[in-house]
Every structure is written in C-alpha cells, then in structure tokens.
PDB file of N, CA and C in Angstrom:
ATOM      1  N   UNK A   1       0.938  -1.259   0.033  1.00  0.00           N
ATOM      2  CA  UNK A   1       0.003  -0.080   0.000  1.00  0.00           C
ATOM      3  C   UNK A   1       0.793   1.267  -0.040  1.00  0.00           C
ATOM      4  N   UNK A   2       0.809   1.895  -1.102  1.00  0.00           N
ATOM      5  CA  UNK A   2       1.664   3.222  -1.167  1.00  0.00           C
ATOM      6  C   UNK A   2       0.733   4.493  -0.812  1.00  0.00           C
ATOM      7  N   UNK A   3       0.939   5.873  -0.278  1.00  0.00           N
ATOM      8  CA  UNK A   3       0.698   6.361  -0.157  1.00  0.00           C
ATOM      9  C   UNK A   3       1.213   7.647  -0.636  1.00  0.00           C
ATOM     10  N   UNK A   4       0.148   8.629  -1.266  1.00  0.00           N
ATOM     11  CA  UNK A   4       0.952   9.649  -2.180  1.00  0.00           C
ATOM     12  C   UNK A   4       1.460  10.785  -0.542  1.00  0.00           C
ATOM     13  N   UNK A   5       1.861  11.798  -0.874  1.00  0.00           N
ATOM     14  CA  UNK A   5       2.109  12.944  -0.245  1.00  0.00           C
ATOM     15  C   UNK A   5       1.166  13.720   0.123  1.00  0.00           C
ATOM     16  N   UNK A   6      -0.464  13.624  -0.383  1.00  0.00           N
ATOM     17  CA  UNK A   6      -1.154  14.562  -0.091  1.00  0.00           C
ATOM     18  C   UNK A   6      -1.571  13.262   1.272  1.00  0.00           C
ATOM     19  N   UNK A   7      -1.839  12.305   0.809  1.00  0.00           N
ATOM     20  CA  UNK A   7      -2.249  11.110   2.036  1.00  0.00           C
ATOM     21  C   UNK A   7      -1.632  11.239   2.834  1.00  0.00           C
ATOM     22  N   UNK A   8      -0.172  11.025   3.152  1.00  0.00           N
ATOM     23  CA  UNK A   8       0.958  11.497   4.119  1.00  0.00           C
ATOM     24  C   UNK A   8       0.658  12.596   4.900  1.00  0.00           C
ATOM     25  N   UNK A   9       0.122  13.670   4.245  1.00  0.00           N
ATOM     26  CA  UNK A   9       0.423  14.888   4.924  1.00  0.00           C
ATOM     27  C   UNK A   9      -1.370  14.758   5.532  1.00  0.00           C
ATOM     28  N   UNK A  10      -2.314  14.397   4.880  1.00  0.00           N
ATOM     29  CA  UNK A  10      -3.467  14.210   5.635  1.00  0.00           C
ATOM     30  C   UNK A  10      -3.178  13.309   6.972  1.00  0.00           C
ATOM     31  N   UNK A  11      -2.585  12.778   6.716  1.00  0.00           N
ATOM     32  CA  UNK A  11      -2.170  11.318   7.704  1.00  0.00           C
ATOM     33  C   UNK A  11      -1.537  12.306   9.208  1.00  0.00           C
ATOM     34  N   UNK A  12      -0.857  12.868   8.764  1.00  0.00           N
ATOM     35  CA  UNK A  12      -0.128  13.577   9.362  1.00  0.00           C
ATOM     36  C   UNK A  12      -0.992  14.504  10.448  1.00  0.00           C
ATOM     37  N   UNK A  13      -1.907  15.694   9.429  1.00  0.00           N
ATOM     38  CA  UNK A  13      -2.763  16.662  10.091  1.00  0.00           C
ATOM     39  C   UNK A  13      -3.770  15.885  11.068  1.00  0.00           C
ATOM     40  N   UNK A  14      -4.226  14.668  10.957  1.00  0.00           N
ATOM     41  CA  UNK A  14      -4.913  14.071  11.517  1.00  0.00           C
ATOM     42  C   UNK A  14      -4.203  13.700  12.998  1.00  0.00           C
ATOM     43  N   UNK A  15      -3.210  13.005  12.956  1.00  0.00           N
ATOM     44  CA  UNK A  15      -2.419  12.499  14.197  1.00  0.00           C
ATOM     45  C   UNK A  15      -1.860  14.263  14.931  1.00  0.00           C
ATOM     46  N   UNK A  16      -1.654  15.264  14.177  1.00  0.00           N
ATOM     47  CA  UNK A  16      -1.459  16.163  14.733  1.00  0.00           C
ATOM     48  C   UNK A  16      -2.640  17.238  15.846  1.00  0.00           C
ATOM     49  N   UNK A  17      -3.535  16.224  15.192  1.00  0.00           N
ATOM     50  CA  UNK A  17      -5.002  17.364  15.890  1.00  0.00           C
ATOM     51  C   UNK A  17      -4.983  16.456  17.235  1.00  0.00           C
ATOM     52  N   UNK A  18      -5.150  14.882  17.355  1.00  0.00           N
ATOM     53  CA  UNK A  18      -5.287  14.133  18.373  1.00  0.00           C
ATOM     54  C   UNK A  18      -4.429  14.313  19.353  1.00  0.00           C
ATOM     55  N   UNK A  19      -2.898  14.570  19.112  1.00  0.00           N
ATOM     56  CA  UNK A  19      -1.941  14.949  19.850  1.00  0.00           C
ATOM     57  C   UNK A  19      -2.346  15.492  21.048  1.00  0.00           C
ATOM     58  N   UNK A  20      -2.572  16.771  21.343  1.00  0.00           N
ATOM     59  CA  UNK A  20      -2.779  17.563  22.342  1.00  0.00           C
ATOM     60  C   UNK A  20      -4.326  17.199  22.953  1.00  0.00           C
ATOM     61  N   UNK A  21      -5.202  17.008  22.363  1.00  0.00           N
ATOM     62  CA  UNK A  21      -6.109  15.575  23.150  1.00  0.00           C
ATOM     63  C   UNK A  21      -5.670  14.772  24.062  1.00  0.00           C
ATOM     64  N   UNK A  22      -4.492  14.162  23.478  1.00  0.00           N
ATOM     65  CA  UNK A  22      -4.049  12.772  24.661  1.00  0.00           C
ATOM     66  C   UNK A  22      -3.394  13.356  25.386  1.00  0.00           C
ATOM     67  N   UNK A  23      -2.325  14.465  25.150  1.00  0.00           N
ATOM     68  CA  UNK A  23      -1.531  15.190  26.060  1.00  0.00           C
ATOM     69  C   UNK A  23      -2.265  15.240  27.241  1.00  0.00           C
ATOM     70  N   UNK A  24      -3.883  16.455  26.649  1.00  0.00           N
ATOM     71  CA  UNK A  24      -4.399  16.970  28.274  1.00  0.00           C
ATOM     72  C   UNK A  24      -4.980  16.092  28.804  1.00  0.00           C
ATOM     73  N   UNK A  25      -5.084  14.957  28.208  1.00  0.00           N
ATOM     74  CA  UNK A  25      -5.790  13.816  29.072  1.00  0.00           C
ATOM     75  C   UNK A  25      -4.999  13.347  30.139  1.00  0.00           C
ATOM     76  N   UNK A  26      -3.443  12.809  29.317  1.00  0.00           N
ATOM     77  CA  UNK A  26      -2.868  12.849  30.453  1.00  0.00           C
ATOM     78  C   UNK A  26      -2.350  13.476  31.339  1.00  0.00           C
ATOM     79  N   UNK A  27      -1.979  14.945  31.482  1.00  0.00           N
ATOM     80  CA  UNK A  27      -1.817  16.047  32.384  1.00  0.00           C
ATOM     81  C   UNK A  27      -2.891  15.549  33.128  1.00  0.00           C
ATOM     82  N   UNK A  28      -4.526  15.350  32.881  1.00  0.00           N
ATOM     83  CA  UNK A  28      -5.581  15.796  33.668  1.00  0.00           C
ATOM     84  C   UNK A  28      -5.465  14.198  34.413  1.00  0.00           C
ATOM     85  N   UNK A  29      -5.382  13.411  34.190  1.00  0.00           N
ATOM     86  CA  UNK A  29      -4.644  11.970  34.865  1.00  0.00           C
ATOM     87  C   UNK A  29      -3.627  12.511  35.952  1.00  0.00           C
ATOM     88  N   UNK A  30      -2.331  13.026  35.766  1.00  0.00           N
ATOM     89  CA  UNK A  30      -1.652  13.404  36.457  1.00  0.00           C
ATOM     90  C   UNK A  30      -1.563  14.195  37.474  1.00  0.00           C
ATOM     91  N   UNK A  31      -2.652  15.190  37.105  1.00  0.00           N
ATOM     92  CA  UNK A  31      -3.182  16.042  38.013  1.00  0.00           C
ATOM     93  C   UNK A  31      -3.847  15.013  39.171  1.00  0.00           C
ATOM     94  N   UNK A  32      -4.661  14.425  38.860  1.00  0.00           N
ATOM     95  CA  UNK A  32      -5.680  13.900  39.767  1.00  0.00           C
ATOM     96  C   UNK A  32      -4.740  13.069  41.025  1.00  0.00           C
ATOM     97  N   UNK A  33      -4.066  12.354  40.475  1.00  0.00           N
ATOM     98  CA  UNK A  33      -2.902  11.194  40.937  1.00  0.00           C
ATOM     99  C   UNK A  33      -2.667  12.276  42.161  1.00  0.00           C
ATOM    100  N   UNK A  34      -1.556  13.630  41.671  1.00  0.00           N
ATOM    101  CA  UNK A  34      -1.241  14.528  42.359  1.00  0.00           C
ATOM    102  C   UNK A  34      -1.937  14.463  43.740  1.00  0.00           C
ATOM    103  N   UNK A  35      -2.958  15.173  43.630  1.00  0.00           N
ATOM    104  CA  UNK A  35      -4.163  15.530  44.336  1.00  0.00           C
ATOM    105  C   UNK A  35      -4.549  14.662  45.695  1.00  0.00           C
ATOM    106  N   UNK A  36      -4.741  13.197  45.088  1.00  0.00           N
ATOM    107  CA  UNK A  36      -5.222  12.193  45.781  1.00  0.00           C
ATOM    108  C   UNK A  36      -3.884  12.128  46.978  1.00  0.00           C
ATOM    109  N   UNK A  37      -2.392  12.077  46.453  1.00  0.00           N
ATOM    110  CA  UNK A  37      -1.794  11.542  47.258  1.00  0.00           C
ATOM    111  C   UNK A  37      -1.495  12.725  47.914  1.00  0.00           C
ATOM    112  N   UNK A  38      -2.016  13.854  47.737  1.00  0.00           N
ATOM    113  CA  UNK A  38      -1.453  14.752  48.743  1.00  0.00           C
ATOM    114  C   UNK A  38      -2.913  15.157  49.751  1.00  0.00           C
ATOM    115  N   UNK A  39      -3.639  14.385  49.505  1.00  0.00           N
ATOM    116  CA  UNK A  39      -4.723  14.445  49.908  1.00  0.00           C
ATOM    117  C   UNK A  39      -4.777  13.491  51.373  1.00  0.00           C
ATOM    118  N   UNK A  40      -4.126  12.042  50.530  1.00  0.00           N
ATOM    119  CA  UNK A  40      -3.642  10.953  51.866  1.00  0.00           C
ATOM    120  C   UNK A  40      -2.606  11.582  52.924  1.00  0.00           C
ATOM    121  N   UNK A  41      -1.619  11.996  52.177  1.00  0.00           N
ATOM    122  CA  UNK A  41      -0.531  12.435  53.410  1.00  0.00           C
ATOM    123  C   UNK A  41      -1.235  13.328  54.390  1.00  0.00           C
ATOM    124  N   UNK A  42      -2.817  14.392  54.551  1.00  0.00           N
ATOM    125  CA  UNK A  42      -2.765  15.489  54.936  1.00  0.00           C
ATOM    126  C   UNK A  42      -3.421  14.730  55.911  1.00  0.00           C
ATOM    127  N   UNK A  43      -4.243  13.284  55.331  1.00  0.00           N
ATOM    128  CA  UNK A  43      -5.424  12.859  56.134  1.00  0.00           C
ATOM    129  C   UNK A  43      -4.383  11.762  56.970  1.00  0.00           C
ATOM    130  N   UNK A  44      -3.511  11.549  56.851  1.00  0.00           N
ATOM    131  CA  UNK A  44      -2.596  10.966  58.212  1.00  0.00           C
ATOM    132  C   UNK A  44      -2.319  11.491  59.069  1.00  0.00           C
ATOM    133  N   UNK A  45      -1.740  12.903  59.018  1.00  0.00           N
ATOM    134  CA  UNK A  45      -1.645  13.746  60.317  1.00  0.00           C
ATOM    135  C   UNK A  45      -3.027  13.698  60.795  1.00  0.00           C
TER     136      UNK A  45
END
C-alpha cells in the first residue's frame, strides 16, 4: 500500500490534531493522582 504525499500530509494533520487532546488527558490524570496523594498525606496527620 503506497501513500501519496497528499495522503501522508492528511494523516500527519489528523495525528497532530489528536496529540494535544491526548496530552491534556495525560496531564489531567497526573493532576488527579497528585491531588489524591496530597489528600492522603494530609489525612494521615
């Protein structure tokens, strides 16, 4: 299966549009984990 340059450009654009959303999701999950850890620390005292 060979792709033309147009096809490749299109795939690149689609991939780039998805990337920021994935990054936001990961940051959100990490943020939640941080809050949970902080809450556990506070509740132990």
